[in-house]
Amino acid sequence: MTWSTAWLWWLAVPGVILGLGAWWRIARGRRPSARFSALPPDSVIPRTWVERLFWLPDALRVLTLVTLVLALGRPRTGQTLADVSADGVDILVAVDTSRSMAALDLDDGPMPARRTRLDVAMALIDRFVAARTSDQVGIVVFGTSAWTHAPLTLDHEAISRSIERVQIGMAGDATALGDALGISVKRLQKSKARSRVVVLVTDGKATAGAVAPVVAAEAAAAVGIKVYTIGVGTQGEAPVLVDGMFGPQVQMIQADLDEATLLAIADQTGGEFFRATDAVALAGVFARIDELERSPIESRRVVDWTEHYPWLLTAALLLLIAEVSLRSTRFRSLP
């Protein structure tokens, strides 16, 4: 707790003086307001509760003054809210949701319990987004077509909910790599962030779309957007579960990752190309991108103050009302 106007404590001086005066008065006892003949010494009259509590109105006045002085000191408590970033990074993550992302080669363990490439990627993207507390992040999904699944926002909880809704095949079975990059560039083009980044995650090559990946990369480079490309999946064949007559069965699919195109996109835009053949490697890739794209942060302490003086003023008012009421009724004295 702090006192925002400490100099007002000097107002406690008259309160202390009044308090000492009241204490001296109480210590000496009340002097009679009128003289009258006393009863014989052998007469005993029991004292009433009013006589026993003759000091109460004076005590209430002292408490009122003390409470007012405390209120003038404006006691308050504060809580630090956050450190504010001076400059952030706008990031769009473009994720391949084509059928090949159902392969189970990024996880270890029993085949039915393995996660798909897409599940592994989305879990790591969710963790990556959560760590970018000062940055706007958006999600683009692509298959045969491409669209913005979640626009750029600082609401990372909303992004996390959007990530949960990403499914294999939701954009079709093909791979519109150029369209995905083109939409990402379009969304970032009007951004005024210090740094604008696209993270492109895929396990295949361009098999659909109206825009060639190289053309989309040229557009990104022209407006200063950096593209990090991530190729996921093992080389050669990869297992995938398909529905058969007797339940899910394992089939092998051939990898068709176009590393040359992904490398060219990264080189042309000033980004980097990464290859991730398992979940650990993919986690390392996102950690590396997180490290590369860190913006300088200007820390500013933000404090939310809670004022407590209104409670003290209310208490002082109630004490004053109690004193006036007692002096006007049971504790009324003759002039």
C-alpha atoms as a PDB file:
ATOM      1  CA  MET A   1       0.000   0.000   0.000  1.00  0.00           C
ATOM      2  CA  THR A   2       1.222   3.518  -0.800  1.00  0.00           C
ATOM      3  CA  TRP A   3       0.157   7.000   0.215  1.00  0.00           C
ATOM      4  CA  SER A   4       0.040   9.192  -2.866  1.00  0.00           C
ATOM      5  CA  THR A   5       0.016  12.496  -0.939  1.00  0.00           C
ATOM      6  CA  ALA A   6       2.296  11.902   2.014  1.00  0.00           C
ATOM      7  CA  TRP A   7       2.541  15.602   2.843  1.00  0.00           C
ATOM      8  CA  LEU A   8      -1.052  15.484   4.059  1.00  0.00           C
ATOM      9  CA  TRP A   9       0.180  13.560   7.061  1.00  0.00           C
ATOM     10  CA  TRP A  10       0.984  16.960   8.541  1.00  0.00           C
ATOM     11  CA  LEU A  11      -2.768  17.328   8.966  1.00  0.00           C
ATOM     12  CA  ALA A  12      -2.483  14.633  11.623  1.00  0.00           C
ATOM     13  CA  VAL A  13      -1.020  17.245  13.994  1.00  0.00           C
ATOM     14  CA  PRO A  14      -4.368  18.856  14.908  1.00  0.00           C
ATOM     15  CA  GLY A  15      -5.852  15.383  15.178  1.00  0.00           C
ATOM     16  CA  VAL A  16      -3.179  14.380  17.680  1.00  0.00           C
ATOM     17  CA  ILE A  17      -3.727  17.563  19.676  1.00  0.00           C
ATOM     18  CA  LEU A  18      -7.462  16.983  19.810  1.00  0.00           C
ATOM     19  CA  GLY A  19      -6.887  13.365  20.730  1.00  0.00           C
ATOM     20  CA  LEU A  20      -4.603  14.306  23.631  1.00  0.00           C
ATOM     21  CA  GLY A  21      -7.136  16.872  24.816  1.00  0.00           C
ATOM     22  CA  ALA A  22      -9.912  14.313  24.743  1.00  0.00           C
ATOM     23  CA  TRP A  23      -7.743  11.813  26.587  1.00  0.00           C
ATOM     24  CA  TRP A  24      -6.963  14.392  29.294  1.00  0.00           C
ATOM     25  CA  ARG A  25     -10.645  15.175  29.601  1.00  0.00           C
ATOM     26  CA  ILE A  26     -11.537  11.521  29.905  1.00  0.00           C
ATOM     27  CA  ALA A  27      -8.751  10.935  32.434  1.00  0.00           C
ATOM     28  CA  ARG A  28      -9.971  13.778  34.671  1.00  0.00           C
ATOM     29  CA  GLY A  29     -13.600  12.834  34.256  1.00  0.00           C
ATOM     30  CA  ARG A  30     -16.489  15.141  33.421  1.00  0.00           C
ATOM     31  CA  ARG A  31     -16.941  18.267  35.517  1.00  0.00           C
ATOM     32  CA  PRO A  32     -20.553  19.000  36.492  1.00  0.00           C
ATOM     33  CA  SER A  33     -22.375  21.586  34.416  1.00  0.00           C
ATOM     34  CA  ALA A  34     -24.445  22.735  37.435  1.00  0.00           C
ATOM     35  CA  ARG A  35     -23.841  22.572  41.185  1.00  0.00           C
ATOM     36  CA  PHE A  36     -26.405  21.063  43.519  1.00  0.00           C
ATOM     37  CA  SER A  37     -26.374  19.682  47.026  1.00  0.00           C
ATOM     38  CA  ALA A  38     -24.940  16.225  47.391  1.00  0.00           C
ATOM     39  CA  LEU A  39     -26.708  13.342  49.035  1.00  0.00           C
ATOM     40  CA  PRO A  40     -25.501  12.081  52.367  1.00  0.00           C
ATOM     41  CA  PRO A  41     -22.319  10.025  52.137  1.00  0.00           C
ATOM     42  CA  ASP A  42     -24.113   6.903  53.209  1.00  0.00           C
ATOM     43  CA  SER A  43     -26.458   7.066  50.202  1.00  0.00           C
ATOM     44  CA  VAL A  44     -25.431   4.815  47.329  1.00  0.00           C
ATOM     45  CA  ILE A  45     -26.894   5.373  43.852  1.00  0.00           C
ATOM     46  CA  PRO A  46     -25.822   2.896  41.174  1.00  0.00           C
ATOM     47  CA  ARG A  47     -24.178   4.410  38.053  1.00  0.00           C
ATOM     48  CA  THR A  48     -26.091   4.101  34.797  1.00  0.00           C
ATOM     49  CA  TRP A  49     -24.501   2.879  31.545  1.00  0.00           C
ATOM     50  CA  VAL A  50     -24.626   6.444  30.231  1.00  0.00           C
ATOM     51  CA  GLU A  51     -22.459   7.579  33.133  1.00  0.00           C
ATOM     52  CA  ARG A  52     -20.065   4.708  32.602  1.00  0.00           C
ATOM     53  CA  LEU A  53     -19.725   5.520  28.887  1.00  0.00           C
ATOM     54  CA  PHE A  54     -19.519   9.306  29.253  1.00  0.00           C
ATOM     55  CA  TRP A  55     -16.278   9.205  27.202  1.00  0.00           C
ATOM     56  CA  LEU A  56     -17.864   7.577  24.125  1.00  0.00           C
ATOM     57  CA  PRO A  57     -18.851  10.771  22.150  1.00  0.00           C
ATOM     58  CA  ASP A  58     -15.361  12.201  22.632  1.00  0.00           C
ATOM     59  CA  ALA A  59     -13.805   8.942  21.477  1.00  0.00           C
ATOM     60  CA  LEU A  60     -16.030   8.934  18.381  1.00  0.00           C
ATOM     61  CA  ARG A  61     -14.895  12.459  17.541  1.00  0.00           C
ATOM     62  CA  VAL A  62     -11.239  11.482  17.816  1.00  0.00           C
ATOM     63  CA  LEU A  63     -11.820   8.428  15.603  1.00  0.00           C
ATOM     64  CA  THR A  64     -13.614  10.627  13.072  1.00  0.00           C
ATOM     65  CA  LEU A  65     -10.663  13.026  12.862  1.00  0.00           C
ATOM     66  CA  VAL A  66      -8.132  10.206  12.600  1.00  0.00           C
ATOM     67  CA  THR A  67     -10.140   8.519   9.845  1.00  0.00           C
ATOM     68  CA  LEU A  68     -10.411  11.782   7.902  1.00  0.00           C
ATOM     69  CA  VAL A  69      -6.654  12.316   8.123  1.00  0.00           C
ATOM     70  CA  LEU A  70      -6.066   8.778   6.835  1.00  0.00           C
ATOM     71  CA  ALA A  71      -8.480   9.408   3.955  1.00  0.00           C
ATOM     72  CA  LEU A  72      -6.640  12.620   3.020  1.00  0.00           C
ATOM     73  CA  GLY A  73      -3.485  10.537   2.704  1.00  0.00           C
ATOM     74  CA  ARG A  74      -5.193   8.614  -0.172  1.00  0.00           C
ATOM     75  CA  PRO A  75      -4.095   5.054   0.621  1.00  0.00           C
ATOM     76  CA  ARG A  76      -4.003   2.875  -2.473  1.00  0.00           C
ATOM     77  CA  THR A  77      -2.707  -0.444  -3.704  1.00  0.00           C
ATOM     78  CA  GLY A  78      -1.337  -1.125  -7.175  1.00  0.00           C
ATOM     79  CA  GLN A  79      -0.860  -4.156  -9.402  1.00  0.00           C
ATOM     80  CA  THR A  80       1.578  -4.348 -12.308  1.00  0.00           C
ATOM     81  CA  LEU A  81      -0.345  -5.375 -15.397  1.00  0.00           C
ATOM     82  CA  ALA A  82       2.066  -5.934 -18.288  1.00  0.00           C
ATOM     83  CA  ASP A  83       5.137  -4.975 -20.242  1.00  0.00           C
ATOM     84  CA  VAL A  84       4.130  -3.264 -23.474  1.00  0.00           C
ATOM     85  CA  SER A  85       5.958  -4.083 -26.687  1.00  0.00           C
ATOM     86  CA  ALA A  86       7.051  -1.079 -28.700  1.00  0.00           C
ATOM     87  CA  ASP A  87       7.192  -2.923 -32.008  1.00  0.00           C
ATOM     88  CA  GLY A  88       5.840  -6.344 -33.020  1.00  0.00           C
ATOM     89  CA  VAL A  89       5.989  -8.863 -35.852  1.00  0.00           C
ATOM     90  CA  ASP A  90       3.008  -9.845 -38.019  1.00  0.00           C
ATOM     91  CA  ILE A  91       3.089 -13.565 -38.816  1.00  0.00           C
ATOM     92  CA  LEU A  92       0.890 -15.629 -41.119  1.00  0.00           C
ATOM     93  CA  VAL A  93       1.224 -19.400 -40.866  1.00  0.00           C
ATOM     94  CA  ALA A  94       0.131 -21.174 -44.094  1.00  0.00           C
ATOM     95  CA  VAL A  95      -0.614 -24.867 -43.487  1.00  0.00           C
ATOM     96  CA  ASP A  96      -1.050 -27.652 -46.027  1.00  0.00           C
ATOM     97  CA  THR A  97      -4.222 -29.674 -45.239  1.00  0.00           C
ATOM     98  CA  SER A  98      -4.119 -31.987 -48.258  1.00  0.00           C
ATOM     99  CA  ARG A  99      -4.668 -35.758 -47.877  1.00  0.00           C
ATOM    100  CA  SER A 100      -0.951 -36.530 -47.739  1.00  0.00           C
ATOM    101  CA  MET A 101      -0.790 -34.676 -44.399  1.00  0.00           C
ATOM    102  CA  ALA A 102      -2.569 -37.729 -42.928  1.00  0.00           C
ATOM    103  CA  ALA A 103       0.734 -39.679 -43.004  1.00  0.00           C
ATOM    104  CA  LEU A 104       1.909 -41.012 -39.625  1.00  0.00           C
ATOM    105  CA  ASP A 105       5.666 -40.706 -40.045  1.00  0.00           C
ATOM    106  CA  LEU A 106       6.371 -37.768 -37.699  1.00  0.00           C
ATOM    107  CA  ASP A 107       5.330 -39.684 -34.564  1.00  0.00           C
ATOM    108  CA  ASP A 108       6.754 -42.797 -32.905  1.00  0.00           C
ATOM    109  CA  GLY A 109       4.957 -45.648 -31.180  1.00  0.00           C
ATOM    110  CA  PRO A 110       2.124 -48.017 -32.163  1.00  0.00           C
ATOM    111  CA  MET A 111       0.596 -47.135 -35.528  1.00  0.00           C
ATOM    112  CA  PRO A 112      -3.026 -46.540 -34.392  1.00  0.00           C
ATOM    113  CA  ALA A 113      -1.838 -44.184 -31.631  1.00  0.00           C
ATOM    114  CA  ARG A 114       0.345 -42.026 -33.857  1.00  0.00           C
ATOM    115  CA  ARG A 115      -0.602 -38.489 -34.768  1.00  0.00           C
ATOM    116  CA  THR A 116      -0.817 -37.378 -38.367  1.00  0.00           C
ATOM    117  CA  ARG A 117       1.578 -34.890 -39.894  1.00  0.00           C
ATOM    118  CA  LEU A 118      -1.128 -32.247 -39.640  1.00  0.00           C
ATOM    119  CA  ASP A 119      -1.845 -32.991 -35.956  1.00  0.00           C
ATOM    120  CA  VAL A 120       1.848 -32.740 -35.079  1.00  0.00           C
ATOM    121  CA  ALA A 121       2.246 -29.533 -37.066  1.00  0.00           C
ATOM    122  CA  MET A 122      -0.850 -27.842 -35.593  1.00  0.00           C
ATOM    123  CA  ALA A 123       0.163 -28.710 -32.022  1.00  0.00           C
ATOM    124  CA  LEU A 124       3.554 -27.087 -32.572  1.00  0.00           C
ATOM    125  CA  ILE A 125       1.989 -24.092 -34.335  1.00  0.00           C
ATOM    126  CA  ASP A 126      -0.307 -23.618 -31.337  1.00  0.00           C
ATOM    127  CA  ARG A 127       2.727 -23.593 -29.035  1.00  0.00           C
ATOM    128  CA  PHE A 128       4.565 -21.228 -31.384  1.00  0.00           C
ATOM    129  CA  VAL A 129       1.618 -18.778 -31.430  1.00  0.00           C
ATOM    130  CA  ALA A 130       1.301 -18.839 -27.634  1.00  0.00           C
ATOM    131  CA  ALA A 131       4.933 -17.749 -27.321  1.00  0.00           C
ATOM    132  CA  ARG A 132       4.436 -14.709 -29.609  1.00  0.00           C
ATOM    133  CA  THR A 133       2.679 -12.634 -26.964  1.00  0.00           C
ATOM    134  CA  SER A 134       3.435  -9.258 -28.596  1.00  0.00           C
ATOM    135  CA  ASP A 135       2.786 -10.240 -32.216  1.00  0.00           C
ATOM    136  CA  GLN A 136      -0.229 -10.493 -34.466  1.00  0.00           C
ATOM    137  CA  VAL A 137      -0.677 -14.001 -35.881  1.00  0.00           C
ATOM    138  CA  GLY A 138      -3.016 -15.403 -38.544  1.00  0.00           C
ATOM    139  CA  ILE A 139      -3.659 -18.810 -40.145  1.00  0.00           C
ATOM    140  CA  VAL A 140      -4.043 -19.680 -43.854  1.00  0.00           C
ATOM    141  CA  VAL A 141      -5.082 -23.216 -44.862  1.00  0.00           C
ATOM    142  CA  PHE A 142      -4.620 -24.645 -48.340  1.00  0.00           C
ATOM    143  CA  GLY A 143      -5.276 -27.762 -50.401  1.00  0.00           C
ATOM    144  CA  THR A 144      -6.913 -27.567 -53.810  1.00  0.00           C
ATOM    145  CA  SER A 145      -7.847 -24.008 -52.801  1.00  0.00           C
ATOM    146  CA  ALA A 146      -6.542 -21.613 -50.170  1.00  0.00           C
ATOM    147  CA  TRP A 147      -8.188 -19.185 -47.763  1.00  0.00           C
ATOM    148  CA  THR A 148      -7.628 -17.235 -44.547  1.00  0.00           C
ATOM    149  CA  HIS A 149      -8.733 -19.464 -41.707  1.00  0.00           C
ATOM    150  CA  ALA A 150      -7.940 -16.884 -38.988  1.00  0.00           C
ATOM    151  CA  PRO A 151      -7.089 -13.210 -39.701  1.00  0.00           C
ATOM    152  CA  LEU A 152      -4.176 -11.411 -38.094  1.00  0.00           C
ATOM    153  CA  THR A 153      -4.964 -10.788 -34.441  1.00  0.00           C
ATOM    154  CA  LEU A 154      -3.423 -10.382 -31.001  1.00  0.00           C
ATOM    155  CA  ASP A 155      -6.176 -12.602 -29.585  1.00  0.00           C
ATOM    156  CA  HIS A 156      -4.126 -15.767 -29.376  1.00  0.00           C
ATOM    157  CA  GLU A 157      -6.937 -17.647 -27.644  1.00  0.00           C
ATOM    158  CA  ALA A 158      -9.049 -17.133 -30.763  1.00  0.00           C
ATOM    159  CA  ILE A 159      -6.154 -18.407 -32.893  1.00  0.00           C
ATOM    160  CA  SER A 160      -5.910 -21.490 -30.676  1.00  0.00           C
ATOM    161  CA  ARG A 161      -9.620 -22.200 -31.177  1.00  0.00           C
ATOM    162  CA  SER A 162      -9.148 -21.805 -34.944  1.00  0.00           C
ATOM    163  CA  ILE A 163      -6.251 -24.254 -34.886  1.00  0.00           C
ATOM    164  CA  GLU A 164      -8.493 -26.861 -33.253  1.00  0.00           C
ATOM    165  CA  ARG A 165     -10.850 -26.665 -36.249  1.00  0.00           C
ATOM    166  CA  VAL A 166      -8.170 -27.355 -38.875  1.00  0.00           C
ATOM    167  CA  GLN A 167      -8.790 -30.770 -40.483  1.00  0.00           C
ATOM    168  CA  ILE A 168      -7.256 -32.869 -43.223  1.00  0.00           C
ATOM    169  CA  GLY A 169      -8.973 -32.369 -46.565  1.00  0.00           C
ATOM    170  CA  MET A 170     -10.887 -29.230 -45.485  1.00  0.00           C
ATOM    171  CA  ALA A 171      -9.462 -27.327 -48.488  1.00  0.00           C
ATOM    172  CA  GLY A 172      -9.302 -30.238 -50.919  1.00  0.00           C
ATOM    173  CA  ASP A 173      -6.843 -33.003 -51.723  1.00  0.00           C
ATOM    174  CA  ALA A 174      -4.379 -31.180 -54.011  1.00  0.00           C
ATOM    175  CA  THR A 175      -1.719 -28.564 -53.079  1.00  0.00           C
ATOM    176  CA  ALA A 176      -2.201 -24.947 -54.155  1.00  0.00           C
ATOM    177  CA  LEU A 177       1.175 -23.815 -52.868  1.00  0.00           C
ATOM    178  CA  GLY A 178       1.347 -20.587 -54.891  1.00  0.00           C
ATOM    179  CA  ASP A 179      -2.208 -19.541 -53.997  1.00  0.00           C
ATOM    180  CA  ALA A 180      -1.498 -20.032 -50.279  1.00  0.00           C
ATOM    181  CA  LEU A 181       1.591 -17.848 -50.460  1.00  0.00           C
ATOM    182  CA  GLY A 182      -0.221 -15.261 -52.586  1.00  0.00           C
ATOM    183  CA  ILE A 183      -3.101 -14.955 -50.066  1.00  0.00           C
ATOM    184  CA  SER A 184      -0.607 -14.668 -47.211  1.00  0.00           C
ATOM    185  CA  VAL A 185       1.232 -11.857 -48.997  1.00  0.00           C
ATOM    186  CA  LYS A 186      -2.045 -10.074 -49.689  1.00  0.00           C
ATOM    187  CA  ARG A 187      -3.049 -10.234 -46.008  1.00  0.00           C
ATOM    188  CA  LEU A 188       0.334  -8.875 -44.887  1.00  0.00           C
ATOM    189  CA  GLN A 189       0.752  -6.249 -47.601  1.00  0.00           C
ATOM    190  CA  LYS A 190      -1.082  -3.495 -45.694  1.00  0.00           C
ATOM    191  CA  SER A 191       0.508  -4.356 -42.365  1.00  0.00           C
ATOM    192  CA  LYS A 192       2.603  -1.610 -40.770  1.00  0.00           C
ATOM    193  CA  ALA A 193       4.560  -3.938 -38.491  1.00  0.00           C
ATOM    194  CA  ARG A 194       8.331  -3.676 -38.343  1.00  0.00           C
ATOM    195  CA  SER A 195       8.649  -7.208 -39.698  1.00  0.00           C
ATOM    196  CA  ARG A 196       6.188  -9.287 -41.762  1.00  0.00           C
ATOM    197  CA  VAL A 197       6.678 -13.037 -41.974  1.00  0.00           C
ATOM    198  CA  VAL A 198       5.051 -16.043 -43.646  1.00  0.00           C
ATOM    199  CA  VAL A 199       5.686 -19.543 -42.293  1.00  0.00           C
ATOM    200  CA  LEU A 200       4.758 -22.050 -45.015  1.00  0.00           C
ATOM    201  CA  VAL A 201       4.268 -25.682 -43.904  1.00  0.00           C
ATOM    202  CA  THR A 202       3.810 -28.399 -46.546  1.00  0.00           C
ATOM    203  CA  ASP A 203       4.706 -31.994 -47.376  1.00  0.00           C
ATOM    204  CA  GLY A 204       4.222 -31.850 -51.150  1.00  0.00           C
ATOM    205  CA  LYS A 205       4.613 -29.851 -54.320  1.00  0.00           C
ATOM    206  CA  ALA A 206       2.345 -27.448 -56.206  1.00  0.00           C
ATOM    207  CA  THR A 207      -0.365 -29.461 -57.989  1.00  0.00           C
ATOM    208  CA  ALA A 208      -3.164 -26.891 -58.103  1.00  0.00           C
ATOM    209  CA  GLY A 209      -3.877 -23.176 -57.975  1.00  0.00           C
ATOM    210  CA  ALA A 210      -3.842 -20.163 -60.268  1.00  0.00           C
ATOM    211  CA  VAL A 211      -0.578 -18.628 -58.994  1.00  0.00           C
ATOM    212  CA  ALA A 212       2.841 -20.226 -59.473  1.00  0.00           C
ATOM    213  CA  PRO A 213       4.898 -20.457 -56.236  1.00  0.00           C
ATOM    214  CA  VAL A 214       7.817 -18.533 -57.796  1.00  0.00           C
ATOM    215  CA  VAL A 215       5.511 -15.682 -58.836  1.00  0.00           C
ATOM    216  CA  ALA A 216       4.047 -15.498 -55.324  1.00  0.00           C
ATOM    217  CA  ALA A 217       7.584 -15.443 -53.913  1.00  0.00           C
ATOM    218  CA  GLU A 218       8.472 -12.515 -56.187  1.00  0.00           C
ATOM    219  CA  ALA A 219       5.428 -10.612 -54.898  1.00  0.00           C
ATOM    220  CA  ALA A 220       6.493 -11.298 -51.297  1.00  0.00           C
ATOM    221  CA  ALA A 221      10.039 -10.115 -51.948  1.00  0.00           C
ATOM    222  CA  ALA A 222       8.771  -6.951 -53.677  1.00  0.00           C
ATOM    223  CA  VAL A 223       6.938  -5.778 -50.543  1.00  0.00           C
ATOM    224  CA  GLY A 224       9.556  -6.948 -48.036  1.00  0.00           C
ATOM    225  CA  ILE A 225       7.785 -10.034 -46.686  1.00  0.00           C
ATOM    226  CA  LYS A 226      10.075 -12.800 -45.469  1.00  0.00           C
ATOM    227  CA  VAL A 227       9.027 -16.422 -46.061  1.00  0.00           C
ATOM    228  CA  TYR A 228      10.206 -19.381 -43.995  1.00  0.00           C
ATOM    229  CA  THR A 229       9.397 -22.694 -45.703  1.00  0.00           C
ATOM    230  CA  ILE A 230       9.133 -25.982 -43.824  1.00  0.00           C
ATOM    231  CA  GLY A 231       9.064 -29.336 -45.563  1.00  0.00           C
ATOM    232  CA  VAL A 232       7.624 -32.073 -43.320  1.00  0.00           C
ATOM    233  CA  GLY A 233       7.712 -35.840 -43.647  1.00  0.00           C
ATOM    234  CA  THR A 234      10.281 -38.546 -44.217  1.00  0.00           C
ATOM    235  CA  GLN A 235      11.919 -39.212 -47.550  1.00  0.00           C
ATOM    236  CA  GLY A 236      10.603 -42.166 -49.498  1.00  0.00           C
ATOM    237  CA  GLU A 237       7.482 -43.994 -48.329  1.00  0.00           C
ATOM    238  CA  ALA A 238       5.348 -43.034 -45.325  1.00  0.00           C
ATOM    239  CA  PRO A 239       2.526 -44.973 -43.586  1.00  0.00           C
ATOM    240  CA  VAL A 240      -1.067 -43.758 -43.623  1.00  0.00           C
ATOM    241  CA  LEU A 241      -4.264 -45.285 -42.217  1.00  0.00           C
ATOM    242  CA  VAL A 242      -7.106 -45.920 -44.660  1.00  0.00           C
ATOM    243  CA  ASP A 243     -10.531 -47.470 -44.152  1.00  0.00           C
ATOM    244  CA  GLY A 244     -10.699 -51.082 -45.328  1.00  0.00           C
ATOM    245  CA  MET A 245     -13.212 -53.905 -45.233  1.00  0.00           C
ATOM    246  CA  PHE A 246     -11.938 -55.008 -41.841  1.00  0.00           C
ATOM    247  CA  GLY A 247     -11.348 -51.575 -40.346  1.00  0.00           C
ATOM    248  CA  PRO A 248      -8.416 -49.164 -40.620  1.00  0.00           C
ATOM    249  CA  GLN A 249      -5.458 -50.528 -42.555  1.00  0.00           C
ATOM    250  CA  VAL A 250      -1.951 -49.217 -43.093  1.00  0.00           C
ATOM    251  CA  GLN A 251      -0.926 -48.196 -46.588  1.00  0.00           C
ATOM    252  CA  MET A 252       2.314 -46.652 -47.794  1.00  0.00           C
ATOM    253  CA  ILE A 253       2.397 -43.420 -49.786  1.00  0.00           C
ATOM    254  CA  GLN A 254       5.346 -41.937 -51.663  1.00  0.00           C
ATOM    255  CA  ALA A 255       6.749 -38.583 -50.550  1.00  0.00           C
ATOM    256  CA  ASP A 256       6.690 -35.888 -53.224  1.00  0.00           C
ATOM    257  CA  LEU A 257       8.146 -32.892 -51.387  1.00  0.00           C
ATOM    258  CA  ASP A 258       9.478 -30.235 -53.768  1.00  0.00           C
ATOM    259  CA  GLU A 259      12.501 -29.094 -51.790  1.00  0.00           C
ATOM    260  CA  ALA A 260      13.932 -27.081 -54.670  1.00  0.00           C
ATOM    261  CA  THR A 261      10.876 -24.836 -54.898  1.00  0.00           C
ATOM    262  CA  LEU A 262      10.667 -24.346 -51.122  1.00  0.00           C
ATOM    263  CA  LEU A 263      14.364 -23.458 -51.017  1.00  0.00           C
ATOM    264  CA  ALA A 264      13.943 -20.984 -53.892  1.00  0.00           C
ATOM    265  CA  ILE A 265      11.001 -19.272 -52.144  1.00  0.00           C
ATOM    266  CA  ALA A 266      12.999 -18.867 -48.942  1.00  0.00           C
ATOM    267  CA  ASP A 267      16.113 -17.581 -50.726  1.00  0.00           C
ATOM    268  CA  GLN A 268      14.188 -15.079 -52.812  1.00  0.00           C
ATOM    269  CA  THR A 269      12.415 -13.535 -49.800  1.00  0.00           C
ATOM    270  CA  GLY A 270      15.303 -13.546 -47.319  1.00  0.00           C
ATOM    271  CA  GLY A 271      13.911 -16.407 -45.247  1.00  0.00           C
ATOM    272  CA  GLU A 272      15.159 -19.951 -44.663  1.00  0.00           C
ATOM    273  CA  PHE A 273      14.170 -23.453 -45.731  1.00  0.00           C
ATOM    274  CA  PHE A 274      13.886 -26.170 -43.068  1.00  0.00           C
ATOM    275  CA  ARG A 275      13.443 -29.915 -43.372  1.00  0.00           C
ATOM    276  CA  ALA A 276      11.638 -31.772 -40.561  1.00  0.00           C
ATOM    277  CA  THR A 277      11.439 -35.565 -40.700  1.00  0.00           C
ATOM    278  CA  ASP A 278      10.006 -36.087 -37.209  1.00  0.00           C
ATOM    279  CA  ALA A 279       8.176 -34.232 -34.415  1.00  0.00           C
ATOM    280  CA  VAL A 280      11.392 -33.339 -32.574  1.00  0.00           C
ATOM    281  CA  ALA A 281      12.943 -31.824 -35.678  1.00  0.00           C
ATOM    282  CA  LEU A 282       9.778 -29.875 -36.437  1.00  0.00           C
ATOM    283  CA  ALA A 283       9.698 -28.512 -32.882  1.00  0.00           C
ATOM    284  CA  GLY A 284      13.287 -27.387 -33.364  1.00  0.00           C
ATOM    285  CA  VAL A 285      12.346 -25.613 -36.591  1.00  0.00           C
ATOM    286  CA  PHE A 286       9.616 -23.569 -34.895  1.00  0.00           C
ATOM    287  CA  ALA A 287      11.972 -22.785 -32.020  1.00  0.00           C
ATOM    288  CA  ARG A 288      14.550 -21.552 -34.539  1.00  0.00           C
ATOM    289  CA  ILE A 289      12.005 -19.325 -36.322  1.00  0.00           C
ATOM    290  CA  ASP A 290      10.835 -18.005 -32.961  1.00  0.00           C
ATOM    291  CA  GLU A 291      14.439 -17.075 -32.171  1.00  0.00           C
ATOM    292  CA  LEU A 292      15.099 -15.464 -35.556  1.00  0.00           C
ATOM    293  CA  GLU A 293      11.970 -13.311 -35.587  1.00  0.00           C
ATOM    294  CA  ARG A 294      12.203 -11.558 -32.240  1.00  0.00           C
ATOM    295  CA  SER A 295      11.493  -7.832 -32.156  1.00  0.00           C
ATOM    296  CA  PRO A 296      13.058  -5.387 -29.675  1.00  0.00           C
ATOM    297  CA  ILE A 297      10.739  -4.731 -26.742  1.00  0.00           C
ATOM    298  CA  GLU A 298      10.494  -1.448 -24.926  1.00  0.00           C
ATOM    299  CA  SER A 299       9.386  -2.320 -21.424  1.00  0.00           C
ATOM    300  CA  ARG A 300       6.914   0.020 -19.794  1.00  0.00           C
ATOM    301  CA  ARG A 301       5.492  -0.628 -16.367  1.00  0.00           C
ATOM    302  CA  VAL A 302       1.707  -0.382 -16.312  1.00  0.00           C
ATOM    303  CA  VAL A 303       0.158  -0.183 -12.830  1.00  0.00           C
ATOM    304  CA  ASP A 304      -3.529  -0.378 -12.021  1.00  0.00           C
ATOM    305  CA  TRP A 305      -4.193   1.606  -8.831  1.00  0.00           C
ATOM    306  CA  THR A 306      -7.076   0.828  -6.476  1.00  0.00           C
ATOM    307  CA  GLU A 307      -8.043   3.788  -4.253  1.00  0.00           C
ATOM    308  CA  HIS A 308      -9.152   3.027  -0.661  1.00  0.00           C
ATOM    309  CA  TYR A 309      -9.929   6.518   0.645  1.00  0.00           C
ATOM    310  CA  PRO A 310     -13.691   6.299  -0.188  1.00  0.00           C
ATOM    311  CA  TRP A 311     -14.047   3.592   2.466  1.00  0.00           C
ATOM    312  CA  LEU A 312     -12.309   5.798   5.024  1.00  0.00           C
ATOM    313  CA  LEU A 313     -14.534   8.773   4.166  1.00  0.00           C
ATOM    314  CA  THR A 314     -17.599   6.588   4.575  1.00  0.00           C
ATOM    315  CA  ALA A 315     -16.338   5.365   7.958  1.00  0.00           C
ATOM    316  CA  ALA A 316     -15.643   8.961   9.085  1.00  0.00           C
ATOM    317  CA  LEU A 317     -19.165  10.008   8.087  1.00  0.00           C
ATOM    318  CA  LEU A 318     -20.729   7.132  10.007  1.00  0.00           C
ATOM    319  CA  LEU A 319     -18.629   7.934  13.088  1.00  0.00           C
ATOM    320  CA  LEU A 320     -19.673  11.604  12.905  1.00  0.00           C
ATOM    321  CA  ILE A 321     -23.334  10.670  12.595  1.00  0.00           C
ATOM    322  CA  ALA A 322     -22.992   8.344  15.596  1.00  0.00           C
ATOM    323  CA  GLU A 323     -21.370  11.085  17.699  1.00  0.00           C
ATOM    324  CA  VAL A 324     -23.977  13.730  16.827  1.00  0.00           C
ATOM    325  CA  SER A 325     -26.794  11.274  17.501  1.00  0.00           C
ATOM    326  CA  LEU A 326     -25.425  10.330  20.930  1.00  0.00           C
ATOM    327  CA  ARG A 327     -24.787  13.945  21.945  1.00  0.00           C
ATOM    328  CA  SER A 328     -28.344  14.882  20.913  1.00  0.00           C
ATOM    329  CA  THR A 329     -30.008  12.037  22.785  1.00  0.00           C
ATOM    330  CA  ARG A 330     -28.744   9.902  25.672  1.00  0.00           C
ATOM    331  CA  PHE A 331     -25.467  11.773  26.110  1.00  0.00           C
ATOM    332  CA  ARG A 332     -26.947  15.272  25.925  1.00  0.00           C
ATOM    333  CA  SER A 333     -25.480  17.585  28.569  1.00  0.00           C
ATOM    334  CA  LEU A 334     -26.684  20.831  30.073  1.00  0.00           C
ATOM    335  CA  PRO A 335     -25.009  24.017  28.847  1.00  0.00           C
END
